[in-house]
Protein backbone atom coordinates (compact mmCIF):
# COMPACT_ATOMS: atom_id res chain seq x y z
CA MET A 1 0.05 0.13 0.28
CA LYS A 2 1.31 3.47 -0.74
CA LEU A 3 0.75 6.44 1.19
CA ARG A 4 0.73 10.46 -0.04
CA PRO A 5 0.93 12.96 2.48
CA LEU A 6 -1.52 16.03 1.91
CA ASN A 7 -0.47 19.54 2.15
CA ASP A 8 2.35 20.19 4.28
CA ARG A 9 2.60 17.00 5.90
CA VAL A 10 5.45 14.68 6.08
CA LEU A 11 5.87 10.78 6.29
CA ILE A 12 8.92 9.94 8.28
CA LYS A 13 10.55 6.34 9.42
CA ARG A 14 12.29 6.55 12.71
CA ALA A 15 15.84 5.75 13.00
CA GLU A 16 17.02 2.78 14.82
CA GLU A 17 17.96 2.97 18.28
CA ASP A 18 21.02 0.81 19.57
CA VAL A 19 19.35 -1.63 22.38
CA LYS A 20 23.15 -2.49 23.68
CA THR A 21 25.08 -0.19 26.05
CA ALA A 22 28.92 0.24 25.49
CA GLY A 23 29.42 -2.61 28.06
CA GLY A 24 27.22 -4.75 26.05
CA ILE A 25 24.11 -4.84 28.48
CA ILE A 26 20.90 -5.18 26.09
CA ILE A 27 18.17 -2.68 26.84
CA PRO A 28 14.64 -3.89 26.62
CA ASP A 29 12.16 -2.04 24.68
CA THR A 30 10.18 -0.70 27.57
CA ALA A 31 13.00 0.98 28.70
CA THR A 32 14.16 2.94 25.78
CA GLU A 33 13.03 6.29 24.59
CA LYS A 34 11.92 6.62 20.94
CA PRO A 35 14.58 8.19 18.89
CA MET A 36 13.87 11.77 17.88
CA GLN A 37 15.57 11.54 14.31
CA GLY A 38 14.26 9.87 11.13
CA ILE A 39 14.33 9.36 7.65
CA VAL A 40 11.67 11.26 5.18
CA MET A 41 9.82 8.69 3.41
CA GLY A 42 7.35 11.26 1.64
CA VAL A 43 6.40 14.83 1.60
CA GLY A 44 3.21 16.32 0.60
CA PRO A 45 2.87 18.99 -2.31
CA GLY A 46 2.95 21.78 0.37
CA ALA A 47 0.86 24.29 2.04
CA ARG A 48 -1.10 27.17 0.44
CA ASP A 49 -0.62 30.81 1.11
CA GLU A 50 -2.81 33.55 1.37
CA LYS A 51 -3.01 33.69 -2.48
CA GLY A 52 -3.77 30.47 -2.88
CA ASP A 53 -0.57 29.33 -4.26
CA ARG A 54 1.46 26.04 -3.19
CA VAL A 55 4.42 26.73 -0.91
CA ALA A 56 6.68 23.90 -1.54
CA CYS A 57 8.00 22.10 1.41
CA ALA A 58 11.40 22.42 2.77
CA VAL A 59 12.13 18.74 3.30
CA GLN A 60 12.47 16.14 0.54
CA THR A 61 12.44 12.34 0.44
CA GLY A 62 15.66 10.91 1.83
CA ASP A 63 16.63 13.65 4.07
CA LYS A 64 17.60 12.61 7.89
CA VAL A 65 15.57 14.88 10.30
CA LEU A 66 15.32 16.04 13.67
CA PHE A 67 11.80 16.41 15.45
CA GLY A 68 10.24 16.79 18.76
CA LYS A 69 9.61 13.92 21.18
CA TRP A 70 5.82 13.97 21.03
CA SER A 71 5.51 15.24 17.59
CA GLY A 72 3.14 13.50 14.82
CA THR A 73 0.68 10.65 14.64
CA GLU A 74 1.89 6.88 14.67
CA VAL A 75 0.66 5.01 11.83
CA THR A 76 1.36 1.12 10.92
CA LEU A 77 1.77 0.56 6.98
CA ASP A 78 2.67 -2.76 5.79
CA GLY A 79 3.85 -3.82 9.11
CA GLN A 80 5.98 -0.58 9.31
CA GLU A 81 5.82 2.09 12.13
CA LEU A 82 5.86 5.62 10.57
CA LEU A 83 5.06 8.95 11.81
CA ILE A 84 2.86 11.69 9.93
CA MET A 85 3.47 15.19 10.86
CA ASN A 86 3.48 18.92 9.72
CA GLU A 87 6.70 19.96 8.09
CA SER A 88 6.49 22.73 11.22
CA ASP A 89 7.17 19.88 13.62
CA ILE A 90 10.48 19.13 12.18
CA MET A 91 13.30 21.13 13.80
CA ALA A 92 16.29 20.78 11.76
CA VAL A 93 17.54 18.78 8.52
CA LEU A 94 20.53 16.48 9.42
CA VAL A 95 23.61 16.82 7.19
CA ASP A 96 26.41 14.36 7.27
CA LYS A 97 29.27 16.56 5.78
CA PRO A 98 32.54 16.83 7.38
CA ALA A 99 33.45 19.68 9.55
CA LYS A 100 35.85 22.60 7.53
CA LYS A 101 39.56 22.54 9.26
CA ALA A 102 40.28 25.65 11.19
CA LYS A 103 42.78 27.69 9.18
CA LYS A 104 46.52 27.74 10.93
CA GLY A 105 46.91 31.24 11.93
CA LYS A 106 50.37 33.21 11.98
CA LYS A 107 52.77 32.36 14.66
CA ALA A 108 53.25 34.67 17.54
CA ALA A 109 56.55 36.56 17.74
């Protein structure tokens, strides 16, 4: 089954969390918090402005995003747990780019 979000809604799959600590202890599902990161699986066409024109969403399918702990509505589609939320509930897009190296300054005399 396919799902297409409407207006400025976004379909997100939560990121997988580690279930082991660094020491090798397995944490049960009931003791873990749900991750606040996910991958955008689908995006609606965008909201409408005052003139009735579409304003495209800033996120796109495949983006890794950060959202609020209690954001969105959980839905199960083909056995997969997903979230549907408004684009405004997304706080940031996570970008995997290496940090720029600091420039070397002149040596003090």
